[in-house]
Amino acid sequence: MSYRMKQINELLKSELANLISRNVLVENCLITVTYVKCSPNLLEATIGISILPENMSGTALKNIKKYNKEFYQSLKRKLSIKHIPKFNWKIDSQERYAAEIDKIIKEINS
């Protein structure tokens, strides 16, 4: 991946995290943007989000998707990128896997 693509991914990650924290309100829920991976032509971006607690994932993801158009428009106004990609949101379950591995290691060491 080129340096420029890494910069764009990080910029989008930061801006989307700010937009989500300001606009998406899900009570008792923490939403974190964990990664952004843009296609080389910048037409699509896969955005990984971590949602805690996990049982709120469906509600939070639904609320985030409602704001897709507003996020797009806000980024278009703010950023000097030729194309703002179409967002494909995915639940990033690395946190859950890490917790499961931690639990297994603790059980083995006990």
Protein backbone atom coordinates (compact mmCIF):
# COMPACT_ATOMS: atom_id res chain seq x y z
CA MET A 1 0.00 0.00 0.00
CA SER A 2 1.35 3.39 -0.95
CA TYR A 3 2.16 6.10 1.53
CA ARG A 4 -0.57 8.31 0.05
CA MET A 5 -3.20 5.59 0.49
CA LYS A 6 -2.14 5.11 4.13
CA GLN A 7 -2.55 8.85 4.66
CA ILE A 8 -6.03 8.84 3.14
CA ASN A 9 -7.07 5.83 5.23
CA GLU A 10 -5.86 7.48 8.44
CA LEU A 11 -7.47 10.81 7.54
CA LEU A 12 -10.82 9.15 6.84
CA LYS A 13 -10.54 7.09 10.03
CA SER A 14 -9.96 10.20 12.12
CA GLU A 15 -12.69 12.26 10.46
CA LEU A 16 -15.26 9.46 10.58
CA ALA A 17 -14.50 8.85 14.26
CA ASN A 18 -15.17 12.54 14.96
CA LEU A 19 -18.38 12.51 12.93
CA ILE A 20 -19.64 9.37 14.67
CA SER A 21 -18.91 10.74 18.13
CA ARG A 22 -20.79 13.96 17.35
CA ASN A 23 -23.77 12.55 15.43
CA VAL A 24 -24.47 8.95 16.38
CA LEU A 25 -26.01 8.73 19.81
CA VAL A 26 -26.49 5.24 21.19
CA GLU A 27 -27.01 5.24 24.94
CA ASN A 28 -24.47 3.29 27.03
CA CYS A 29 -22.45 2.32 23.97
CA LEU A 30 -18.87 2.97 22.88
CA ILE A 31 -18.23 3.09 19.12
CA THR A 32 -14.65 3.08 17.85
CA VAL A 33 -13.43 3.26 14.26
CA THR A 34 -10.68 0.63 14.19
CA TYR A 35 -9.62 0.80 10.54
CA VAL A 36 -10.40 2.21 7.11
CA LYS A 37 -9.33 0.42 3.92
CA CYS A 38 -9.97 2.30 0.70
CA SER A 39 -9.94 0.70 -2.71
CA PRO A 40 -7.09 1.97 -4.94
CA ASN A 41 -9.51 4.02 -7.06
CA LEU A 42 -11.14 5.51 -3.91
CA LEU A 43 -14.61 4.41 -4.97
CA GLU A 44 -15.19 2.25 -1.89
CA ALA A 45 -13.94 2.11 1.67
CA THR A 46 -14.39 -0.67 4.19
CA ILE A 47 -14.70 0.80 7.66
CA GLY A 48 -14.22 -1.43 10.69
CA ILE A 49 -15.98 -0.39 13.86
CA SER A 50 -15.77 -1.84 17.34
CA ILE A 51 -18.90 -1.57 19.46
CA LEU A 52 -19.00 -2.16 23.19
CA PRO A 53 -21.05 -3.75 24.64
CA GLU A 54 -21.41 -6.23 21.80
CA ASN A 55 -25.15 -6.69 22.30
CA MET A 56 -25.59 -3.09 21.04
CA SER A 57 -23.84 -3.83 17.70
CA GLY A 58 -27.00 -4.08 15.62
CA THR A 59 -28.52 -0.88 16.96
CA ALA A 60 -25.28 1.09 16.66
CA LEU A 61 -24.55 -0.13 13.13
CA LYS A 62 -28.09 0.73 12.04
CA ASN A 63 -27.72 4.25 13.47
CA ILE A 64 -24.35 4.74 11.78
CA LYS A 65 -25.72 3.68 8.39
CA LYS A 66 -28.53 6.26 8.74
CA TYR A 67 -25.88 9.00 8.70
CA ASN A 68 -24.00 7.75 5.60
CA LYS A 69 -25.19 10.61 3.39
CA GLU A 70 -24.42 13.28 5.99
CA PHE A 71 -20.95 11.80 6.61
CA TYR A 72 -20.28 11.83 2.87
CA GLN A 73 -21.37 15.45 2.49
CA SER A 74 -19.41 16.59 5.52
CA LEU A 75 -16.23 14.88 4.31
CA LYS A 76 -16.70 16.30 0.80
CA ARG A 77 -16.85 19.83 2.22
CA LYS A 78 -13.97 19.38 4.65
CA LEU A 79 -11.40 17.27 2.79
CA SER A 80 -9.51 18.02 -0.38
CA ILE A 81 -9.78 14.50 -1.77
CA LYS A 82 -10.89 14.07 -5.36
CA HIS A 83 -13.33 11.25 -4.53
CA ILE A 84 -15.00 10.45 -1.23
CA PRO A 85 -15.53 6.68 -1.24
CA LYS A 86 -18.77 4.80 -0.67
CA PHE A 87 -18.79 3.46 2.89
CA ASN A 88 -19.09 -0.26 3.65
CA TRP A 89 -19.40 -0.64 7.42
CA LYS A 90 -18.21 -3.82 9.14
CA ILE A 91 -18.21 -4.89 12.76
CA ASP A 92 -14.61 -5.46 13.83
CA SER A 93 -14.64 -8.33 16.33
CA GLN A 94 -10.94 -8.29 17.20
CA GLU A 95 -11.78 -7.07 20.72
CA ARG A 96 -14.01 -10.10 21.30
CA TYR A 97 -11.35 -12.50 19.99
CA ALA A 98 -8.69 -10.89 22.17
CA ALA A 99 -10.93 -11.26 25.24
CA GLU A 100 -11.58 -14.92 24.40
CA ILE A 101 -7.86 -15.61 24.01
CA ASP A 102 -7.15 -13.83 27.31
CA LYS A 103 -9.78 -15.96 29.03
CA ILE A 104 -8.30 -19.18 27.62
CA ILE A 105 -4.77 -18.21 28.67
CA LYS A 106 -5.97 -17.41 32.19
CA GLU A 107 -7.74 -20.78 32.39
CA ILE A 108 -4.59 -22.60 31.26
CA ASN A 109 -2.41 -20.74 33.79
CA SER A 110 -4.85 -21.41 36.66
